[in-house]
């Protein structure tokens, strides 16, 4: 079993040092200045002009191999492994349609060669992907950093970085085994963006999922949707898509990761989208009470401990205006749906080998009840892109 890697203070300090030249005091924002980007596009963009091609054909070819290897590991080999898990569980006297407790599930699987080779292949595909992305972008690191630095003080939109922010412990881990995680590699934003595309088996994706998601974000019943906030925004793909749907709205995104926000701000400028990104804590946003009509959170809550999730939900209710909508898109918890033996084993792989430290804690929680405890009215008929997969819930703040 792989050790979970935690970032050391020196790594986090590196990201803070690189950001120090663009922050003065607690929060300095650069707003609506004339764009002047040192745009690094050695091979242009893909068809829609939203995603830059990877800097070399060699790098693109290696990452297409990584994507193909991952696809085979999940599909052809993955189906064979899942069938084997279900067979072993049935032999152990359990119904494979409903997973037994994880201890019994692992005992039933034992040291089965098919299953554990599949685990190795899925993990290796991740490692190949990250290594090639990190090596490829850092080969031209100085140029990419200069591109980010130029964008930091450009507009449209704004970027607020807080050099004295105290990073929560949950943000310091290498989530998805990404080297440096979301806070420790100054080029972590671009590494993450292309890595997620490969993880979802679409290397050349041009934000299509987030654009589809933005299209179904619910708005308050009174029709007022002027201010939006996306918490845990990452590289700001959802705020960008929301700005395209609501061009007159005031769109914000917050995250703790400097590299993620810088890259997201640069991309928004390139698409001429005025969004506002800020380095703030989801559990202490610094916004005034009743500030937003709609608050979104995409796959945030399975990345944080339950106690922190409760604090975030309390903060969401505080800054959401009466009648406002909270739309948290995340995985179903075990309180919402039963899981097959093979599905449960794959979730365990994600937790242990893909460094999803709090995914199990999240899935074992009653997230709907947590929302209610925070003072939100919960509806379980929220729009969803895939009802079998996503939680399909939203919260309403009453007066």
Protein backbone atom coordinates (compact mmCIF):
# COMPACT_ATOMS: atom_id res chain seq x y z
CA UNK A 1 0.00 0.00 0.00
CA UNK A 2 1.35 3.43 -0.92
CA UNK A 3 2.11 5.96 1.79
CA UNK A 4 0.02 9.10 1.77
CA UNK A 5 2.30 12.04 1.12
CA UNK A 6 1.92 15.28 2.99
CA UNK A 7 3.55 18.47 1.77
CA UNK A 8 6.21 19.99 3.99
CA UNK A 9 6.35 23.63 4.95
CA UNK A 10 9.19 24.35 2.56
CA UNK A 11 7.09 23.33 -0.43
CA UNK A 12 4.20 25.49 0.62
CA UNK A 13 6.57 28.35 1.38
CA UNK A 14 7.88 28.17 -2.19
CA UNK A 15 4.41 28.87 -3.59
CA UNK A 16 3.98 31.71 -1.11
CA UNK A 17 7.33 33.24 -2.04
CA UNK A 18 6.49 33.17 -5.74
CA UNK A 19 3.23 34.95 -4.96
CA UNK A 20 4.75 37.54 -2.60
CA UNK A 21 5.67 40.02 -5.33
CA UNK A 22 2.03 40.40 -6.31
CA UNK A 23 0.49 40.83 -2.87
CA UNK A 24 0.74 43.76 -0.48
CA UNK A 25 -0.64 43.30 3.03
CA UNK A 26 -3.50 40.88 3.43
CA UNK A 27 -5.25 41.24 0.10
CA UNK A 28 -4.38 43.29 -2.93
CA UNK A 29 -6.54 42.92 -6.01
CA UNK A 30 -5.68 43.91 -9.56
CA UNK A 31 -8.90 44.90 -11.29
CA UNK A 32 -9.88 45.67 -14.89
CA UNK A 33 -6.45 46.64 -16.18
CA UNK A 34 -5.60 46.39 -19.85
CA UNK A 35 -4.59 42.80 -20.68
CA UNK A 36 -0.97 42.39 -21.68
CA UNK A 37 -0.24 38.68 -21.64
CA UNK A 38 2.97 36.94 -22.60
CA UNK A 39 0.87 34.17 -24.09
CA UNK A 40 2.80 30.90 -24.35
CA UNK A 41 1.17 28.85 -27.11
CA UNK A 42 3.96 27.07 -29.01
CA UNK A 43 1.43 24.87 -30.82
CA UNK A 44 -1.70 27.03 -30.73
CA UNK A 45 -5.04 25.89 -29.31
CA UNK A 46 -7.53 23.13 -29.93
CA UNK A 47 -10.59 23.65 -32.11
CA UNK A 48 -12.64 25.95 -29.87
CA UNK A 49 -9.72 28.13 -28.82
CA UNK A 50 -10.29 27.46 -25.10
CA UNK A 51 -7.50 24.97 -24.45
CA UNK A 52 -3.88 25.41 -25.46
CA UNK A 53 -2.23 22.48 -27.13
CA UNK A 54 0.49 20.85 -25.07
CA UNK A 55 3.90 22.45 -25.69
CA UNK A 56 5.36 19.57 -27.73
CA UNK A 57 4.06 16.75 -29.89
CA UNK A 58 6.21 14.33 -27.89
CA UNK A 59 4.53 15.40 -24.63
CA UNK A 60 1.07 15.17 -26.20
CA UNK A 61 1.83 11.68 -27.54
CA UNK A 62 3.03 10.43 -24.17
CA UNK A 63 -0.08 11.80 -22.47
CA UNK A 64 -2.33 10.24 -25.09
CA UNK A 65 -0.65 6.95 -24.18
CA UNK A 66 -1.32 7.62 -20.48
CA UNK A 67 -4.96 8.34 -21.28
CA UNK A 68 -5.27 5.19 -23.36
CA UNK A 69 -3.64 3.12 -20.61
CA UNK A 70 -6.03 4.58 -18.04
CA UNK A 71 -9.03 3.97 -20.31
CA UNK A 72 -8.07 0.30 -20.80
CA UNK A 73 -7.43 -0.10 -17.05
CA UNK A 74 -10.88 1.27 -16.26
CA UNK A 75 -12.88 -0.32 -19.05
CA UNK A 76 -11.69 -3.59 -20.63
CA UNK A 77 -9.41 -4.63 -17.76
CA UNK A 78 -11.59 -2.79 -15.26
CA UNK A 79 -14.66 -4.81 -16.20
CA UNK A 80 -12.69 -8.04 -15.87
CA UNK A 81 -11.46 -6.96 -12.44
CA UNK A 82 -14.96 -5.94 -11.32
CA UNK A 83 -16.38 -9.28 -12.45
CA UNK A 84 -13.64 -11.02 -10.48
CA UNK A 85 -14.39 -8.98 -7.34
CA UNK A 86 -18.09 -9.82 -7.57
CA UNK A 87 -17.30 -13.51 -8.11
CA UNK A 88 -14.99 -13.62 -5.07
CA UNK A 89 -17.53 -11.83 -2.89
CA UNK A 90 -20.27 -14.26 -3.93
CA UNK A 91 -17.98 -17.20 -3.14
CA UNK A 92 -17.49 -15.69 0.33
CA UNK A 93 -21.25 -15.81 0.91
CA UNK A 94 -22.19 -12.17 0.23
CA UNK A 95 -24.53 -10.61 -2.32
CA UNK A 96 -22.23 -8.77 -4.78
CA UNK A 97 -25.03 -6.29 -5.59
CA UNK A 98 -24.69 -4.84 -2.08
CA UNK A 99 -21.16 -4.49 -0.80
CA UNK A 100 -20.30 -6.10 2.52
CA UNK A 101 -18.32 -4.03 5.06
CA UNK A 102 -14.93 -3.06 3.67
CA UNK A 103 -13.07 -5.44 6.01
CA UNK A 104 -15.08 -8.39 4.70
CA UNK A 105 -14.77 -7.16 1.13
CA UNK A 106 -10.97 -7.01 1.30
CA UNK A 107 -10.83 -10.42 2.96
CA UNK A 108 -12.91 -11.88 0.12
CA UNK A 109 -10.63 -10.34 -2.51
CA UNK A 110 -7.51 -11.58 -0.75
CA UNK A 111 -4.43 -11.57 -2.97
CA UNK A 112 -6.27 -12.17 -6.22
CA UNK A 113 -3.86 -11.54 -9.09
CA UNK A 114 -6.41 -10.08 -11.52
CA UNK A 115 -7.80 -7.56 -9.05
CA UNK A 116 -4.45 -6.37 -7.70
CA UNK A 117 -2.89 -6.12 -11.15
CA UNK A 118 -5.77 -3.85 -12.10
CA UNK A 119 -5.07 -1.75 -9.00
CA UNK A 120 -1.45 -1.49 -10.08
CA UNK A 121 -2.38 -0.49 -13.63
CA UNK A 122 -4.79 2.25 -12.54
CA UNK A 123 -2.23 3.67 -10.14
CA UNK A 124 0.60 3.50 -12.67
CA UNK A 125 -1.54 5.31 -15.25
CA UNK A 126 -1.94 8.16 -12.74
CA UNK A 127 1.80 8.26 -12.03
CA UNK A 128 2.71 8.28 -15.74
CA UNK A 129 0.26 11.11 -16.35
CA UNK A 130 1.54 13.34 -13.55
CA UNK A 131 5.21 12.73 -14.31
CA UNK A 132 4.83 13.69 -17.95
CA UNK A 133 2.80 16.80 -17.13
CA UNK A 134 5.17 18.02 -14.44
CA UNK A 135 8.29 17.33 -16.51
CA UNK A 136 6.77 18.86 -19.64
CA UNK A 137 5.66 22.14 -18.10
CA UNK A 138 8.66 22.60 -15.84
CA UNK A 139 11.01 22.22 -18.80
CA UNK A 140 9.85 25.71 -19.78
CA UNK A 141 9.07 26.83 -16.22
CA UNK A 142 10.44 30.36 -16.41
CA UNK A 143 8.35 31.25 -19.46
CA UNK A 144 5.16 29.89 -17.92
CA UNK A 145 5.80 31.74 -14.65
CA UNK A 146 6.33 34.98 -16.56
CA UNK A 147 3.03 34.39 -18.35
CA UNK A 148 1.27 33.96 -15.00
CA UNK A 149 3.00 37.00 -13.50
CA UNK A 150 1.88 39.20 -16.37
CA UNK A 151 -1.71 37.98 -16.00
CA UNK A 152 -1.73 38.57 -12.24
CA UNK A 153 -2.03 42.33 -12.68
CA UNK A 154 -4.22 42.26 -15.78
CA UNK A 155 -7.94 42.19 -16.41
CA UNK A 156 -10.79 41.86 -17.10
CA UNK A 157 -11.71 40.58 -13.67
CA UNK A 158 -9.54 40.51 -10.58
CA UNK A 159 -7.16 38.27 -8.66
CA UNK A 160 -6.73 38.55 -4.91
CA UNK A 161 -3.90 36.60 -3.29
CA UNK A 162 -3.34 36.50 0.47
CA UNK A 163 0.26 35.73 1.31
CA UNK A 164 -0.47 35.36 5.03
CA UNK A 165 -3.34 32.88 4.70
CA UNK A 166 -3.10 29.85 7.00
CA UNK A 167 -3.61 26.82 4.82
CA UNK A 168 -5.89 24.18 6.34
CA UNK A 169 -4.34 20.77 6.81
CA UNK A 170 -6.68 19.18 4.28
CA UNK A 171 -5.24 21.39 1.51
CA UNK A 172 -1.63 20.30 2.10
CA UNK A 173 -1.97 16.76 0.82
CA UNK A 174 -1.17 15.63 -2.70
CA UNK A 175 -4.77 15.02 -3.73
CA UNK A 176 -5.07 12.54 -6.63
CA UNK A 177 -1.31 11.95 -6.01
CA UNK A 178 -0.61 15.15 -7.97
CA UNK A 179 3.00 16.11 -7.15
CA UNK A 180 2.91 19.24 -5.02
CA UNK A 181 -0.86 19.02 -4.72
CA UNK A 182 -2.92 22.15 -5.27
CA UNK A 183 -0.67 24.46 -3.26
CA UNK A 184 2.95 23.33 -3.53
CA UNK A 185 3.84 23.54 -7.23
CA UNK A 186 3.79 27.04 -8.80
CA UNK A 187 2.66 25.45 -12.08
CA UNK A 188 0.12 23.26 -10.30
CA UNK A 189 -2.83 24.93 -12.02
CA UNK A 190 -1.89 23.94 -15.55
CA UNK A 191 -0.68 20.51 -14.39
CA UNK A 192 -4.04 19.95 -12.68
CA UNK A 193 -6.10 21.17 -15.66
CA UNK A 194 -4.60 18.77 -18.18
CA UNK A 195 -4.40 16.01 -15.57
CA UNK A 196 -8.14 16.20 -14.89
CA UNK A 197 -8.83 16.06 -18.62
CA UNK A 198 -6.87 12.82 -18.83
CA UNK A 199 -8.44 11.52 -15.62
CA UNK A 200 -11.87 11.99 -17.22
CA UNK A 201 -10.57 10.44 -20.47
CA UNK A 202 -10.77 13.59 -22.58
CA UNK A 203 -7.31 15.12 -23.00
CA UNK A 204 -8.55 17.81 -25.39
CA UNK A 205 -11.67 18.79 -23.43
CA UNK A 206 -12.44 22.50 -23.64
CA UNK A 207 -14.42 22.91 -20.40
CA UNK A 208 -17.43 21.11 -21.83
CA UNK A 209 -18.45 19.42 -18.59
CA UNK A 210 -18.34 22.70 -16.67
CA UNK A 211 -20.28 24.46 -19.41
CA UNK A 212 -22.92 21.73 -19.24
CA UNK A 213 -22.95 22.02 -15.46
CA UNK A 214 -23.31 25.81 -15.54
CA UNK A 215 -26.31 25.38 -17.83
CA UNK A 216 -28.24 23.49 -15.13
CA UNK A 217 -27.23 25.54 -12.07
CA UNK A 218 -30.56 26.43 -10.43
CA UNK A 219 -31.45 30.03 -9.59
CA UNK A 220 -33.71 31.36 -6.81
CA UNK A 221 -37.48 31.16 -7.32
CA UNK A 222 -37.73 34.97 -7.40
CA UNK A 223 -35.52 34.98 -10.50
CA UNK A 224 -32.83 37.20 -8.96
CA UNK A 225 -29.42 35.86 -9.89
CA UNK A 226 -26.97 38.75 -9.86
CA UNK A 227 -24.17 37.48 -7.60
CA UNK A 228 -22.62 34.00 -7.75
CA UNK A 229 -19.88 32.39 -5.65
CA UNK A 230 -18.09 29.13 -6.42
CA UNK A 231 -16.28 27.73 -3.36
CA UNK A 232 -13.28 25.47 -3.87
CA UNK A 233 -13.17 26.82 -7.41
CA UNK A 234 -9.84 25.27 -8.43
CA UNK A 235 -8.86 26.67 -11.83
CA UNK A 236 -12.19 28.52 -12.12
CA UNK A 237 -13.77 26.52 -14.93
CA UNK A 238 -17.25 26.77 -13.40
CA UNK A 239 -17.11 30.57 -12.79
CA UNK A 240 -16.00 31.04 -16.40
CA UNK A 241 -18.92 28.96 -17.63
CA UNK A 242 -21.34 30.80 -15.33
CA UNK A 243 -20.13 34.13 -16.70
CA UNK A 244 -20.95 32.92 -20.19
CA UNK A 245 -24.47 31.96 -19.08
CA UNK A 246 -24.99 35.10 -16.97
CA UNK A 247 -22.86 37.78 -18.67
CA UNK A 248 -24.26 40.63 -16.52
CA UNK A 249 -23.77 38.82 -13.21
CA UNK A 250 -21.01 39.39 -10.65
CA UNK A 251 -19.16 36.06 -10.59
CA UNK A 252 -16.72 35.08 -7.80
CA UNK A 253 -14.60 32.02 -7.09
CA UNK A 254 -12.54 31.28 -3.98
CA UNK A 255 -9.89 28.67 -3.28
CA UNK A 256 -6.86 28.28 -1.01
CA UNK A 257 -4.49 27.24 -3.82
CA UNK A 258 -2.39 30.09 -5.23
CA UNK A 259 -1.28 28.09 -8.33
CA UNK A 260 -4.87 27.15 -9.13
CA UNK A 261 -6.21 30.70 -8.86
CA UNK A 262 -3.38 32.25 -10.88
CA UNK A 263 -3.89 29.81 -13.73
CA UNK A 264 -7.68 30.24 -13.62
CA UNK A 265 -7.35 34.04 -13.72
CA UNK A 266 -5.00 33.83 -16.71
CA UNK A 267 -7.43 31.61 -18.62
CA UNK A 268 -10.37 33.91 -17.85
CA UNK A 269 -8.40 36.85 -19.27
CA UNK A 270 -7.61 34.88 -22.41
CA UNK A 271 -11.35 34.23 -22.86
CA UNK A 272 -12.15 37.89 -22.03
CA UNK A 273 -14.37 36.86 -19.12
CA UNK A 274 -14.69 39.19 -16.14
CA UNK A 275 -14.69 36.99 -13.06
CA UNK A 276 -13.22 37.67 -9.63
CA UNK A 277 -10.98 35.12 -7.94
CA UNK A 278 -9.80 35.32 -4.33
CA UNK A 279 -7.57 33.22 -2.10
CA UNK A 280 -9.86 32.67 0.87
CA UNK A 281 -11.05 29.85 3.10
CA UNK A 282 -14.41 28.28 2.34
CA UNK A 283 -15.06 28.11 6.09
CA UNK A 284 -14.18 31.81 6.59
CA UNK A 285 -14.84 33.66 3.34
CA UNK A 286 -14.73 37.25 4.73
CA UNK A 287 -17.83 38.14 2.70
CA UNK A 288 -20.68 40.03 4.35
CA UNK A 289 -23.88 38.32 5.45
CA UNK A 290 -26.45 37.63 2.71
CA UNK A 291 -23.95 38.45 -0.07
CA UNK A 292 -24.85 35.94 -2.80
CA UNK A 293 -27.89 34.78 -4.72
CA UNK A 294 -26.31 31.46 -5.74
CA UNK A 295 -23.39 29.52 -4.23
CA UNK A 296 -21.93 26.49 -6.00
CA UNK A 297 -19.42 23.85 -4.93
CA UNK A 298 -18.20 21.24 -7.40
CA UNK A 299 -16.61 18.07 -5.91
CA UNK A 300 -15.39 19.98 -2.85
CA UNK A 301 -16.91 18.18 0.09
CA UNK A 302 -15.38 14.74 -0.43
CA UNK A 303 -11.97 16.46 -0.23
CA UNK A 304 -12.41 17.85 3.29
CA UNK A 305 -12.92 16.28 6.75
CA UNK A 306 -16.48 16.17 8.05
CA UNK A 307 -15.85 18.72 10.80
CA UNK A 308 -14.51 21.21 8.24
CA UNK A 309 -17.44 20.46 5.93
CA UNK A 310 -19.82 21.44 8.73
CA UNK A 311 -18.01 24.76 9.15
CA UNK A 312 -18.21 25.39 5.41
CA UNK A 313 -21.94 24.71 5.37
CA UNK A 314 -22.46 27.12 8.27
CA UNK A 315 -20.52 29.78 6.35
CA UNK A 316 -22.53 29.08 3.20
CA UNK A 317 -25.76 29.77 5.03
CA UNK A 318 -24.37 33.00 6.48
CA UNK A 319 -23.33 34.53 3.15
CA UNK A 320 -26.27 33.19 1.11
CA UNK A 321 -29.15 35.69 0.97
CA UNK A 322 -32.67 34.66 2.05
CA UNK A 323 -34.22 32.69 -0.80
CA UNK A 324 -30.79 32.01 -2.27
CA UNK A 325 -29.70 28.64 -3.67
CA UNK A 326 -26.76 26.46 -2.63
CA UNK A 327 -25.85 23.88 -5.30
CA UNK A 328 -23.22 21.37 -4.05
CA UNK A 329 -22.39 18.88 -6.79
CA UNK A 330 -20.60 15.84 -5.40
CA UNK A 331 -20.76 12.06 -5.23
CA UNK A 332 -23.66 10.22 -3.68
CA UNK A 333 -23.09 9.17 -0.07
CA UNK A 334 -23.92 5.71 1.23
CA UNK A 335 -27.00 7.22 2.89
CA UNK A 336 -28.30 8.05 -0.62
CA UNK A 337 -27.51 4.86 -2.53
CA UNK A 338 -26.25 1.32 -2.00
CA UNK A 339 -23.01 0.28 -3.69
CA UNK A 340 -22.07 -3.00 -5.33
CA UNK A 341 -19.03 -4.93 -4.15
CA UNK A 342 -16.99 -4.00 -7.22
CA UNK A 343 -18.07 -0.36 -6.97
CA UNK A 344 -17.13 -0.28 -3.30
CA UNK A 345 -13.71 -1.76 -4.05
CA UNK A 346 -13.07 0.91 -6.69
CA UNK A 347 -14.02 3.60 -4.17
CA UNK A 348 -11.58 2.08 -1.70
CA UNK A 349 -8.85 2.21 -4.38
CA UNK A 350 -9.63 5.90 -4.89
CA UNK A 351 -9.34 6.54 -1.15
CA UNK A 352 -6.11 4.64 -0.56
CA UNK A 353 -4.14 4.73 -3.80
CA UNK A 354 -5.42 7.98 -5.34
CA UNK A 355 -4.89 9.89 -2.07
CA UNK A 356 -8.54 10.81 -1.57
CA UNK A 357 -7.98 11.04 2.16
CA UNK A 358 -11.49 12.03 3.22
CA UNK A 359 -13.58 10.38 0.52
CA UNK A 360 -14.52 7.48 2.78
CA UNK A 361 -15.45 9.83 5.61
CA UNK A 362 -17.60 11.82 3.20
CA UNK A 363 -19.37 8.78 1.76
CA UNK A 364 -20.11 7.48 5.26
CA UNK A 365 -21.60 10.82 6.30
CA UNK A 366 -25.20 11.96 5.96
CA UNK A 367 -24.50 15.09 3.94
CA UNK A 368 -28.16 15.94 3.51
CA UNK A 369 -28.62 15.99 7.29
CA UNK A 370 -25.47 18.11 7.63
CA UNK A 371 -27.02 20.69 5.28
CA UNK A 372 -30.21 20.67 7.34
CA UNK A 373 -28.22 21.05 10.55
CA UNK A 374 -26.58 24.14 9.05
CA UNK A 375 -30.02 25.69 8.61
CA UNK A 376 -30.70 25.02 4.93
CA UNK A 377 -33.89 23.63 3.47
CA UNK A 378 -32.80 20.65 1.37
CA UNK A 379 -34.37 19.63 -1.91
CA UNK A 380 -33.45 16.27 -3.45
CA UNK A 381 -34.77 17.06 -6.92
CA UNK A 382 -31.94 19.33 -8.04
CA UNK A 383 -30.92 19.10 -11.70
CA UNK A 384 -28.04 16.73 -12.40
CA UNK A 385 -26.01 15.67 -15.40
CA UNK A 386 -26.02 12.02 -14.28
CA UNK A 387 -28.52 10.98 -11.61
CA UNK A 388 -26.84 7.62 -10.99
CA UNK A 389 -23.56 9.31 -10.11
CA UNK A 390 -24.09 12.82 -8.68
CA UNK A 391 -25.95 13.64 -5.48
CA UNK A 392 -28.73 15.75 -7.06
CA UNK A 393 -29.37 18.01 -4.08
CA UNK A 394 -29.56 21.73 -3.36
CA UNK A 395 -30.17 23.92 -0.34
CA UNK A 396 -32.41 26.96 0.10
CA UNK A 397 -31.91 29.62 2.77
CA UNK A 398 -35.11 30.79 4.40
CA UNK A 399 -35.52 34.30 5.82
